[in-house]
Full PDB file with SEQRES, HELIX, SHEET, SSBOND, CRYST1, ORIGX, SCALE, CONECT and MASTER records, all heavy atoms in Angstrom:
SEQRES   1 A   41  ALA VAL SER SER ALA PRO ASP GLU ALA HIS ALA ALA ARG          
SEQRES   2 A   41  GLU GLY VAL GLU ARG ALA ALA GLU THR LEU GLU ALA GLU          
SEQRES   3 A   41  GLY ALA ALA LEU ILE ARG ASP GLY ALA ILE VAL THR SER          
SEQRES   4 A   41  ILE GLY                                                      
HELIX    1 AA1 VAL A    2  SER A    4  5                                   3    
HELIX    2 AA2 GLU A    8  THR A   22  1                                  15    
SHEET    1 AA1 2 ALA A  28  ARG A  32  0                                        
SHEET    2 AA1 2 ALA A  35  ILE A  40 -1                                        
CRYST1    1.000    1.000    1.000  90.00  90.00  90.00 P 1           1          
ORIGX1      1.000000  0.000000  0.000000        0.00000                         
ORIGX2      0.000000  1.000000  0.000000        0.00000                         
ORIGX3      0.000000  0.000000  1.000000        0.00000                         
SCALE1      1.000000  0.000000  0.000000        0.00000                         
SCALE2      0.000000  1.000000  0.000000        0.00000                         
SCALE3      0.000000  0.000000  1.000000        0.00000                         
ATOM      1  N   ALA A   1      -9.544   0.243  -0.727  1.00  0.00           N  
ATOM      2  CA  ALA A   1      -9.385   1.658  -0.911  1.00  0.00           C  
ATOM      3  C   ALA A   1      -8.149   1.984  -1.835  1.00  0.00           C  
ATOM      4  O   ALA A   1      -8.348   2.774  -2.777  1.00  0.00           O  
ATOM      5  CB  ALA A   1      -9.161   2.338   0.413  1.00  0.00           C  
ATOM      6  N   VAL A   2      -7.095   1.355  -1.570  1.00  0.00           N  
ATOM      7  CA  VAL A   2      -5.886   1.665  -2.408  1.00  0.00           C  
ATOM      8  C   VAL A   2      -5.997   1.105  -3.787  1.00  0.00           C  
ATOM      9  O   VAL A   2      -5.453   1.732  -4.808  1.00  0.00           O  
ATOM     10  CB  VAL A   2      -4.576   1.168  -1.662  1.00  0.00           C  
ATOM     11  CG1 VAL A   2      -4.361   1.883  -0.359  1.00  0.00           C  
ATOM     12  CG2 VAL A   2      -4.608  -0.296  -1.503  1.00  0.00           C  
ATOM     13  N   SER A   3      -6.621  -0.002  -3.923  1.00  0.00           N  
ATOM     14  CA  SER A   3      -6.790  -0.616  -5.291  1.00  0.00           C  
ATOM     15  C   SER A   3      -7.723   0.130  -6.171  1.00  0.00           C  
ATOM     16  O   SER A   3      -7.718  -0.015  -7.416  1.00  0.00           O  
ATOM     17  CB  SER A   3      -7.238  -2.086  -5.164  1.00  0.00           C  
ATOM     18  OG  SER A   3      -8.501  -2.187  -4.566  1.00  0.00           O  
ATOM     19  N   SER A   4      -8.506   1.015  -5.528  1.00  0.00           N  
ATOM     20  CA  SER A   4      -9.452   1.803  -6.288  1.00  0.00           C  
ATOM     21  C   SER A   4      -8.774   3.115  -6.816  1.00  0.00           C  
ATOM     22  O   SER A   4      -9.447   3.859  -7.589  1.00  0.00           O  
ATOM     23  CB  SER A   4     -10.711   2.232  -5.506  1.00  0.00           C  
ATOM     24  OG  SER A   4     -11.394   1.056  -5.043  1.00  0.00           O  
ATOM     25  N   ALA A   5      -7.561   3.346  -6.456  1.00  0.00           N  
ATOM     26  CA  ALA A   5      -6.865   4.586  -6.824  1.00  0.00           C  
ATOM     27  C   ALA A   5      -6.582   4.562  -8.339  1.00  0.00           C  
ATOM     28  O   ALA A   5      -6.257   3.516  -8.910  1.00  0.00           O  
ATOM     29  CB  ALA A   5      -5.606   4.780  -6.033  1.00  0.00           C  
ATOM     30  N   PRO A   6      -6.655   5.712  -8.998  1.00  0.00           N  
ATOM     31  CA  PRO A   6      -6.412   5.707 -10.472  1.00  0.00           C  
ATOM     32  C   PRO A   6      -4.987   5.639 -10.878  1.00  0.00           C  
ATOM     33  O   PRO A   6      -4.684   5.255 -12.048  1.00  0.00           O  
ATOM     34  CB  PRO A   6      -7.084   7.107 -10.901  1.00  0.00           C  
ATOM     35  CG  PRO A   6      -6.915   7.941  -9.690  1.00  0.00           C  
ATOM     36  CD  PRO A   6      -7.091   6.991  -8.485  1.00  0.00           C  
ATOM     37  N   ASP A   7      -4.083   6.016  -9.938  1.00  0.00           N  
ATOM     38  CA  ASP A   7      -2.648   5.961 -10.303  1.00  0.00           C  
ATOM     39  C   ASP A   7      -1.808   5.822  -9.089  1.00  0.00           C  
ATOM     40  O   ASP A   7      -2.318   5.734  -7.907  1.00  0.00           O  
ATOM     41  CB  ASP A   7      -2.236   7.266 -11.083  1.00  0.00           C  
ATOM     42  CG  ASP A   7      -2.632   8.545 -10.364  1.00  0.00           C  
ATOM     43  OD1 ASP A   7      -2.416   8.599  -9.136  1.00  0.00           O  
ATOM     44  OD2 ASP A   7      -3.119   9.441 -10.963  1.00  0.00           O  
ATOM     45  N   GLU A   8      -0.486   5.726  -9.258  1.00  0.00           N  
ATOM     46  CA  GLU A   8       0.439   5.466  -8.169  1.00  0.00           C  
ATOM     47  C   GLU A   8       0.390   6.554  -7.109  1.00  0.00           C  
ATOM     48  O   GLU A   8       0.336   6.247  -5.930  1.00  0.00           O  
ATOM     49  CB  GLU A   8       1.872   5.300  -8.713  1.00  0.00           C  
ATOM     50  CG  GLU A   8       2.893   5.014  -7.666  1.00  0.00           C  
ATOM     51  CD  GLU A   8       4.257   4.907  -8.198  1.00  0.00           C  
ATOM     52  OE1 GLU A   8       4.454   4.785  -9.438  1.00  0.00           O  
ATOM     53  OE2 GLU A   8       5.204   4.912  -7.368  1.00  0.00           O  
ATOM     54  N   ALA A   9       0.391   7.790  -7.491  1.00  0.00           N  
ATOM     55  CA  ALA A   9       0.415   8.939  -6.534  1.00  0.00           C  
ATOM     56  C   ALA A   9      -0.854   8.859  -5.613  1.00  0.00           C  
ATOM     57  O   ALA A   9      -0.762   9.053  -4.486  1.00  0.00           O  
ATOM     58  CB  ALA A   9       0.454  10.214  -7.314  1.00  0.00           C  
ATOM     59  N   HIS A  10      -2.033   8.601  -6.227  1.00  0.00           N  
ATOM     60  CA  HIS A  10      -3.250   8.595  -5.441  1.00  0.00           C  
ATOM     61  C   HIS A  10      -3.273   7.359  -4.517  1.00  0.00           C  
ATOM     62  O   HIS A  10      -3.710   7.382  -3.390  1.00  0.00           O  
ATOM     63  CB  HIS A  10      -4.440   8.564  -6.349  1.00  0.00           C  
ATOM     64  CG  HIS A  10      -4.813   9.899  -6.948  1.00  0.00           C  
ATOM     65  ND1 HIS A  10      -4.211  10.359  -8.070  1.00  0.00           N  
ATOM     66  CD2 HIS A  10      -5.623  10.823  -6.555  1.00  0.00           C  
ATOM     67  CE1 HIS A  10      -4.724  11.487  -8.384  1.00  0.00           C  
ATOM     68  NE2 HIS A  10      -5.572  11.862  -7.459  1.00  0.00           N  
ATOM     69  N   ALA A  11      -2.716   6.230  -4.956  1.00  0.00           N  
ATOM     70  CA  ALA A  11      -2.678   5.032  -4.153  1.00  0.00           C  
ATOM     71  C   ALA A  11      -1.727   5.250  -2.941  1.00  0.00           C  
ATOM     72  O   ALA A  11      -2.071   4.808  -1.833  1.00  0.00           O  
ATOM     73  CB  ALA A  11      -2.122   3.834  -5.020  1.00  0.00           C  
ATOM     74  N   ALA A  12      -0.586   5.958  -3.189  1.00  0.00           N  
ATOM     75  CA  ALA A  12       0.337   6.199  -2.054  1.00  0.00           C  
ATOM     76  C   ALA A  12      -0.343   7.093  -1.036  1.00  0.00           C  
ATOM     77  O   ALA A  12      -0.254   6.866   0.174  1.00  0.00           O  
ATOM     78  CB  ALA A  12       1.579   6.816  -2.582  1.00  0.00           C  
ATOM     79  N   ARG A  13      -1.011   8.157  -1.509  1.00  0.00           N  
ATOM     80  CA  ARG A  13      -1.644   9.055  -0.618  1.00  0.00           C  
ATOM     81  C   ARG A  13      -2.774   8.290   0.191  1.00  0.00           C  
ATOM     82  O   ARG A  13      -2.872   8.508   1.444  1.00  0.00           O  
ATOM     83  CB  ARG A  13      -2.297  10.194  -1.373  1.00  0.00           C  
ATOM     84  CG  ARG A  13      -2.924  11.289  -0.471  1.00  0.00           C  
ATOM     85  CD  ARG A  13      -1.937  12.029   0.279  1.00  0.00           C  
ATOM     86  NE  ARG A  13      -2.545  13.038   1.173  1.00  0.00           N  
ATOM     87  CZ  ARG A  13      -1.842  13.833   1.989  1.00  0.00           C  
ATOM     88  NH1 ARG A  13      -0.530  13.749   2.076  1.00  0.00           N  
ATOM     89  NH2 ARG A  13      -2.455  14.673   2.765  1.00  0.00           N  
ATOM     90  N   GLU A  14      -3.546   7.476  -0.494  1.00  0.00           N  
ATOM     91  CA  GLU A  14      -4.680   6.869   0.108  1.00  0.00           C  
ATOM     92  C   GLU A  14      -4.138   5.795   1.138  1.00  0.00           C  
ATOM     93  O   GLU A  14      -4.712   5.672   2.238  1.00  0.00           O  
ATOM     94  CB  GLU A  14      -5.466   6.101  -0.898  1.00  0.00           C  
ATOM     95  CG  GLU A  14      -6.752   5.412  -0.414  1.00  0.00           C  
ATOM     96  CD  GLU A  14      -7.852   6.381   0.076  1.00  0.00           C  
ATOM     97  OE1 GLU A  14      -7.820   7.582  -0.442  1.00  0.00           O  
ATOM     98  OE2 GLU A  14      -8.700   6.015   0.851  1.00  0.00           O  
ATOM     99  N   GLY A  15      -3.014   5.123   0.809  1.00  0.00           N  
ATOM    100  CA  GLY A  15      -2.467   4.171   1.689  1.00  0.00           C  
ATOM    101  C   GLY A  15      -2.015   4.782   2.998  1.00  0.00           C  
ATOM    102  O   GLY A  15      -2.217   4.244   4.070  1.00  0.00           O  
ATOM    103  N   VAL A  16      -1.287   5.915   2.929  1.00  0.00           N  
ATOM    104  CA  VAL A  16      -0.774   6.637   4.079  1.00  0.00           C  
ATOM    105  C   VAL A  16      -1.917   7.096   5.010  1.00  0.00           C  
ATOM    106  O   VAL A  16      -1.910   6.930   6.201  1.00  0.00           O  
ATOM    107  CB  VAL A  16       0.181   7.804   3.641  1.00  0.00           C  
ATOM    108  CG1 VAL A  16       0.431   8.711   4.826  1.00  0.00           C  
ATOM    109  CG2 VAL A  16       1.446   7.249   3.106  1.00  0.00           C  
ATOM    110  N   GLU A  17      -2.908   7.675   4.363  1.00  0.00           N  
ATOM    111  CA  GLU A  17      -4.074   8.219   5.155  1.00  0.00           C  
ATOM    112  C   GLU A  17      -4.805   7.047   5.811  1.00  0.00           C  
ATOM    113  O   GLU A  17      -5.234   7.205   7.027  1.00  0.00           O  
ATOM    114  CB  GLU A  17      -4.950   9.043   4.217  1.00  0.00           C  
ATOM    115  CG  GLU A  17      -4.314  10.311   3.787  1.00  0.00           C  
ATOM    116  CD  GLU A  17      -5.290  11.103   2.845  1.00  0.00           C  
ATOM    117  OE1 GLU A  17      -6.357  10.584   2.534  1.00  0.00           O  
ATOM    118  OE2 GLU A  17      -4.960  12.236   2.480  1.00  0.00           O  
ATOM    119  N   ARG A  18      -5.048   6.028   5.094  1.00  0.00           N  
ATOM    120  CA  ARG A  18      -5.859   4.828   5.643  1.00  0.00           C  
ATOM    121  C   ARG A  18      -5.069   4.155   6.829  1.00  0.00           C  
ATOM    122  O   ARG A  18      -5.634   3.786   7.804  1.00  0.00           O  
ATOM    123  CB  ARG A  18      -6.084   3.837   4.537  1.00  0.00           C  
ATOM    124  CG  ARG A  18      -7.214   4.337   3.575  1.00  0.00           C  
ATOM    125  CD  ARG A  18      -8.553   4.073   4.112  1.00  0.00           C  
ATOM    126  NE  ARG A  18      -9.579   4.526   3.222  1.00  0.00           N  
ATOM    127  CZ  ARG A  18     -10.872   4.118   3.246  1.00  0.00           C  
ATOM    128  NH1 ARG A  18     -11.267   3.196   4.153  1.00  0.00           N  
ATOM    129  NH2 ARG A  18     -11.737   4.588   2.366  1.00  0.00           N  
ATOM    130  N   ALA A  19      -3.726   4.031   6.630  1.00  0.00           N  
ATOM    131  CA  ALA A  19      -2.960   3.387   7.660  1.00  0.00           C  
ATOM    132  C   ALA A  19      -2.967   4.192   8.947  1.00  0.00           C  
ATOM    133  O   ALA A  19      -3.155   3.664  10.021  1.00  0.00           O  
ATOM    134  CB  ALA A  19      -1.537   3.171   7.166  1.00  0.00           C  
ATOM    135  N   ALA A  20      -2.836   5.577   8.802  1.00  0.00           N  
ATOM    136  CA  ALA A  20      -2.807   6.400   9.954  1.00  0.00           C  
ATOM    137  C   ALA A  20      -4.167   6.333  10.659  1.00  0.00           C  
ATOM    138  O   ALA A  20      -4.275   6.288  11.850  1.00  0.00           O  
ATOM    139  CB  ALA A  20      -2.458   7.843   9.520  1.00  0.00           C  
ATOM    140  N   GLU A  21      -5.260   6.388   9.864  1.00  0.00           N  
ATOM    141  CA  GLU A  21      -6.612   6.404  10.392  1.00  0.00           C  
ATOM    142  C   GLU A  21      -6.909   5.063  11.140  1.00  0.00           C  
ATOM    143  O   GLU A  21      -7.452   5.055  12.247  1.00  0.00           O  
ATOM    144  CB  GLU A  21      -7.623   6.617   9.309  1.00  0.00           C  
ATOM    145  CG  GLU A  21      -9.093   6.610   9.780  1.00  0.00           C  
ATOM    146  CD  GLU A  21     -10.040   6.740   8.665  1.00  0.00           C  
ATOM    147  OE1 GLU A  21      -9.595   7.078   7.517  1.00  0.00           O  
ATOM    148  OE2 GLU A  21     -11.263   6.502   8.851  1.00  0.00           O  
ATOM    149  N   THR A  22      -6.567   3.932  10.517  1.00  0.00           N  
ATOM    150  CA  THR A  22      -6.835   2.613  11.085  1.00  0.00           C  
ATOM    151  C   THR A  22      -6.121   2.458  12.434  1.00  0.00           C  
ATOM    152  O   THR A  22      -6.687   1.886  13.380  1.00  0.00           O  
ATOM    153  CB  THR A  22      -6.469   1.543  10.106  1.00  0.00           C  
ATOM    154  OG1 THR A  22      -7.218   1.667   8.905  1.00  0.00           O  
ATOM    155  CG2 THR A  22      -6.744   0.109  10.730  1.00  0.00           C  
ATOM    156  N   LEU A  23      -4.793   2.824  12.478  1.00  0.00           N  
ATOM    157  CA  LEU A  23      -3.999   2.595  13.648  1.00  0.00           C  
ATOM    158  C   LEU A  23      -3.929   3.813  14.554  1.00  0.00           C  
ATOM    159  O   LEU A  23      -3.080   3.889  15.462  1.00  0.00           O  
ATOM    160  CB  LEU A  23      -2.599   2.126  13.231  1.00  0.00           C  
ATOM    161  CG  LEU A  23      -2.626   0.783  12.490  1.00  0.00           C  
ATOM    162  CD1 LEU A  23      -1.252   0.486  11.916  1.00  0.00           C  
ATOM    163  CD2 LEU A  23      -3.036  -0.312  13.473  1.00  0.00           C  
ATOM    164  N   GLU A  24      -4.799   4.759  14.292  1.00  0.00           N  
ATOM    165  CA  GLU A  24      -4.967   5.937  15.145  1.00  0.00           C  
ATOM    166  C   GLU A  24      -3.650   6.639  15.385  1.00  0.00           C  
ATOM    167  O   GLU A  24      -3.258   7.056  16.521  1.00  0.00           O  
ATOM    168  CB  GLU A  24      -5.558   5.581  16.550  1.00  0.00           C  
ATOM    169  CG  GLU A  24      -6.981   4.992  16.369  1.00  0.00           C  
ATOM    170  CD  GLU A  24      -7.560   4.583  17.739  1.00  0.00           C  
ATOM    171  OE1 GLU A  24      -6.832   4.476  18.697  1.00  0.00           O  
ATOM    172  OE2 GLU A  24      -8.767   4.389  17.789  1.00  0.00           O  
ATOM    173  N   ALA A  25      -2.914   6.846  14.277  1.00  0.00           N  
ATOM    174  CA  ALA A  25      -1.621   7.524  14.330  1.00  0.00           C  
ATOM    175  C   ALA A  25      -1.808   8.962  13.972  1.00  0.00           C  
ATOM    176  O   ALA A  25      -2.600   9.311  13.115  1.00  0.00           O  
ATOM    177  CB  ALA A  25      -0.602   6.839  13.353  1.00  0.00           C  
ATOM    178  N   GLU A  26      -1.035   9.830  14.665  1.00  0.00           N  
ATOM    179  CA  GLU A  26      -1.041  11.262  14.370  1.00  0.00           C  
ATOM    180  C   GLU A  26      -0.272  11.691  13.045  1.00  0.00           C  
ATOM    181  O   GLU A  26      -0.564  12.641  12.517  1.00  0.00           O  
ATOM    182  CB  GLU A  26      -0.465  12.061  15.537  1.00  0.00           C  
ATOM    183  CG  GLU A  26      -1.395  12.213  16.732  1.00  0.00           C  
ATOM    184  CD  GLU A  26      -1.591  10.869  17.515  1.00  0.00           C  
ATOM    185  OE1 GLU A  26      -0.732  10.070  17.434  1.00  0.00           O  
ATOM    186  OE2 GLU A  26      -2.643  10.758  18.196  1.00  0.00           O  
ATOM    187  N   GLY A  27       0.664  10.788  12.724  1.00  0.00           N  
ATOM    188  CA  GLY A  27       1.552  11.140  11.557  1.00  0.00           C  
ATOM    189  C   GLY A  27       1.844   9.859  10.775  1.00  0.00           C  
ATOM    190  O   GLY A  27       1.991   8.790  11.363  1.00  0.00           O  
ATOM    191  N   ALA A  28       2.009   9.999   9.504  1.00  0.00           N  
ATOM    192  CA  ALA A  28       2.454   8.831   8.636  1.00  0.00           C  
ATOM    193  C   ALA A  28       3.088   9.365   7.384  1.00  0.00           C  
ATOM    194  O   ALA A  28       2.789  10.485   6.921  1.00  0.00           O  
ATOM    195  CB  ALA A  28       1.252   7.945   8.313  1.00  0.00           C  
ATOM    196  N   ALA A  29       3.962   8.560   6.847  1.00  0.00           N  
ATOM    197  CA  ALA A  29       4.662   8.991   5.621  1.00  0.00           C  
ATOM    198  C   ALA A  29       5.140   7.773   4.828  1.00  0.00           C  
ATOM    199  O   ALA A  29       5.351   6.716   5.357  1.00  0.00           O  
ATOM    200  CB  ALA A  29       5.902   9.808   6.004  1.00  0.00           C  
ATOM    201  N   LEU A  30       5.145   7.972   3.482  1.00  0.00           N  
ATOM    202  CA  LEU A  30       5.708   6.991   2.656  1.00  0.00           C  
ATOM    203  C   LEU A  30       7.090   7.485   2.118  1.00  0.00           C  
ATOM    204  O   LEU A  30       7.103   8.631   1.616  1.00  0.00           O  
ATOM    205  CB  LEU A  30       4.781   6.717   1.472  1.00  0.00           C  
ATOM    206  CG  LEU A  30       5.278   5.718   0.364  1.00  0.00           C  
ATOM    207  CD1 LEU A  30       5.496   4.341   1.007  1.00  0.00           C  
ATOM    208  CD2 LEU A  30       4.299   5.595  -0.770  1.00  0.00           C  
ATOM    209  N   ILE A  31       8.064   6.735   2.287  1.00  0.00           N  
ATOM    210  CA  ILE A  31       9.465   7.141   1.942  1.00  0.00           C  
ATOM    211  C   ILE A  31      10.039   6.254   0.856  1.00  0.00           C  
ATOM    212  O   ILE A  31       9.857   5.045   0.997  1.00  0.00           O  
ATOM    213  CB  ILE A  31      10.381   7.126   3.181  1.00  0.00           C  
ATOM    214  CG1 ILE A  31       9.869   8.134   4.286  1.00  0.00           C  
ATOM    215  CG2 ILE A  31      11.777   7.544   2.793  1.00  0.00           C  
ATOM    216  CD1 ILE A  31      10.538   8.048   5.530  1.00  0.00           C  
ATOM    217  N   ARG A  32      10.631   6.863  -0.174  1.00  0.00           N  
ATOM    218  CA  ARG A  32      11.175   6.058  -1.272  1.00  0.00           C  
ATOM    219  C   ARG A  32      12.483   6.678  -1.615  1.00  0.00           C  
ATOM    220  O   ARG A  32      12.605   7.887  -1.907  1.00  0.00           O  
ATOM    221  CB  ARG A  32      10.271   5.959  -2.449  1.00  0.00           C  
ATOM    222  CG  ARG A  32      10.843   5.161  -3.651  1.00  0.00           C  
ATOM    223  CD  ARG A  32       9.919   5.259  -4.861  1.00  0.00           C  
ATOM    224  NE  ARG A  32       8.595   4.764  -4.582  1.00  0.00           N  
ATOM    225  CZ  ARG A  32       8.296   3.463  -4.562  1.00  0.00           C  
ATOM    226  NH1 ARG A  32       9.231   2.522  -4.823  1.00  0.00           N  
ATOM    227  NH2 ARG A  32       7.101   3.029  -4.311  1.00  0.00           N  
ATOM    228  N   ASP A  33      13.564   5.846  -1.675  1.00  0.00           N  
ATOM    229  CA  ASP A  33      14.852   6.274  -2.084  1.00  0.00           C  
ATOM    230  C   ASP A  33      15.336   7.559  -1.336  1.00  0.00           C  
ATOM    231  O   ASP A  33      15.873   8.489  -1.889  1.00  0.00           O  
ATOM    232  CB  ASP A  33      14.939   6.613  -3.575  1.00  0.00           C  
ATOM    233  CG  ASP A  33      14.677   5.341  -4.442  1.00  0.00           C  
ATOM    234  OD1 ASP A  33      15.140   4.235  -3.965  1.00  0.00           O  
ATOM    235  OD2 ASP A  33      14.019   5.405  -5.461  1.00  0.00           O  
ATOM    236  N   GLY A  34      15.020   7.577  -0.042  1.00  0.00           N  
ATOM    237  CA  GLY A  34      15.523   8.650   0.839  1.00  0.00           C  
ATOM    238  C   GLY A  34      14.728   9.943   0.673  1.00  0.00           C  
ATOM    239  O   GLY A  34      15.207  10.981   1.122  1.00  0.00           O  
ATOM    240  N   ALA A  35      13.516   9.909   0.133  1.00  0.00           N  
ATOM    241  CA  ALA A  35      12.741  11.080  -0.051  1.00  0.00           C  
ATOM    242  C   ALA A  35      11.231  10.820   0.345  1.00  0.00           C  
ATOM    243  O   ALA A  35      10.811   9.682   0.278  1.00  0.00           O  
ATOM    244  CB  ALA A  35      12.791  11.587  -1.489  1.00  0.00           C  
ATOM    245  N   ILE A  36      10.609  11.863   0.874  1.00  0.00           N  
ATOM    246  CA  ILE A  36       9.225  11.719   1.318  1.00  0.00           C  
ATOM    247  C   ILE A  36       8.318  11.743   0.034  1.00  0.00           C  
ATOM    248  O   ILE A  36       8.338  12.755  -0.670  1.00  0.00           O  
ATOM    249  CB  ILE A  36       8.831  12.812   2.283  1.00  0.00           C  
ATOM    250  CG1 ILE A  36       9.826  12.954   3.427  1.00  0.00           C  
ATOM    251  CG2 ILE A  36       7.368  12.567   2.747  1.00  0.00           C  
ATOM    252  CD1 ILE A  36       9.891  11.727   4.270  1.00  0.00           C  
ATOM    253  N   VAL A  37       7.644  10.705  -0.194  1.00  0.00           N  
ATOM    254  CA  VAL A  37       6.697  10.568  -1.370  1.00  0.00           C  
ATOM    255  C   VAL A  37       5.386  11.321  -1.015  1.00  0.00           C  
ATOM    256  O   VAL A  37       4.925  12.190  -1.770  1.00  0.00           O  
ATOM    257  CB  VAL A  37       6.415   9.173  -1.767  1.00  0.00           C  
ATOM    258  CG1 VAL A  37       5.367   9.088  -2.894  1.00  0.00           C  
ATOM    259  CG2 VAL A  37       7.717   8.486  -2.180  1.00  0.00           C  
ATOM    260  N   THR A  38       4.855  11.029   0.179  1.00  0.00           N  
ATOM    261  CA  THR A  38       3.638  11.688   0.646  1.00  0.00           C  
ATOM    262  C   THR A  38       3.663  11.460   2.161  1.00  0.00           C  
ATOM    263  O   THR A  38       4.188  10.555   2.712  1.00  0.00           O  
ATOM    264  CB  THR A  38       2.436  11.074  -0.011  1.00  0.00           C  
ATOM    265  OG1 THR A  38       1.209  11.831   0.395  1.00  0.00           O  
ATOM    266  CG2 THR A  38       2.208   9.650   0.378  1.00  0.00           C  
ATOM    267  N   SER A  39       2.903  12.466   2.759  1.00  0.00           N  
ATOM    268  CA  SER A  39       2.890  12.424   4.301  1.00  0.00           C  
ATOM    269  C   SER A  39       1.556  12.978   4.800  1.00  0.00           C  
ATOM    270  O   SER A  39       0.859  13.736   4.077  1.00  0.00           O  
ATOM    271  CB  SER A  39       4.077  13.100   4.938  1.00  0.00           C  
ATOM    272  OG  SER A  39       4.020  14.494   4.607  1.00  0.00           O  
ATOM    273  N   ILE A  40       1.259  12.699   6.054  1.00  0.00           N  
ATOM    274  CA  ILE A  40       0.095  13.286   6.712  1.00  0.00           C  
ATOM    275  C   ILE A  40       0.405  13.490   8.150  1.00  0.00           C  
ATOM    276  O   ILE A  40       1.181  12.810   8.771  1.00  0.00           O  
ATOM    277  CB  ILE A  40      -1.121  12.319   6.563  1.00  0.00           C  
ATOM    278  CG1 ILE A  40      -2.394  12.983   7.136  1.00  0.00           C  
ATOM    279  CG2 ILE A  40      -0.849  10.984   7.230  1.00  0.00           C  
ATOM    280  CD1 ILE A  40      -3.683  12.096   6.983  1.00  0.00           C  
ATOM    281  N   GLY A  41      -0.044  14.635   8.755  1.00  0.00           N  
ATOM    282  CA  GLY A  41       0.121  14.880  10.163  1.00  0.00           C  
ATOM    283  C   GLY A  41       1.029  16.131  10.422  1.00  0.00           C  
ATOM    284  O   GLY A  41       1.156  16.602  11.553  1.00  0.00           O  
TER     285      GLY A  41                                                      
MASTER        0    0    0    2    2    0    0    6  284    1    0    4          
END                                                                             
């Protein structure tokens, strides 16, 4: 799923959503350099 993303932003979003779905998490976020890149929940 993530390798099919067209760019870094889409890959980050897809990765966060897939991880949350797979592990049945209510929330997930990707953090870089002290800032939220993308989140769900």
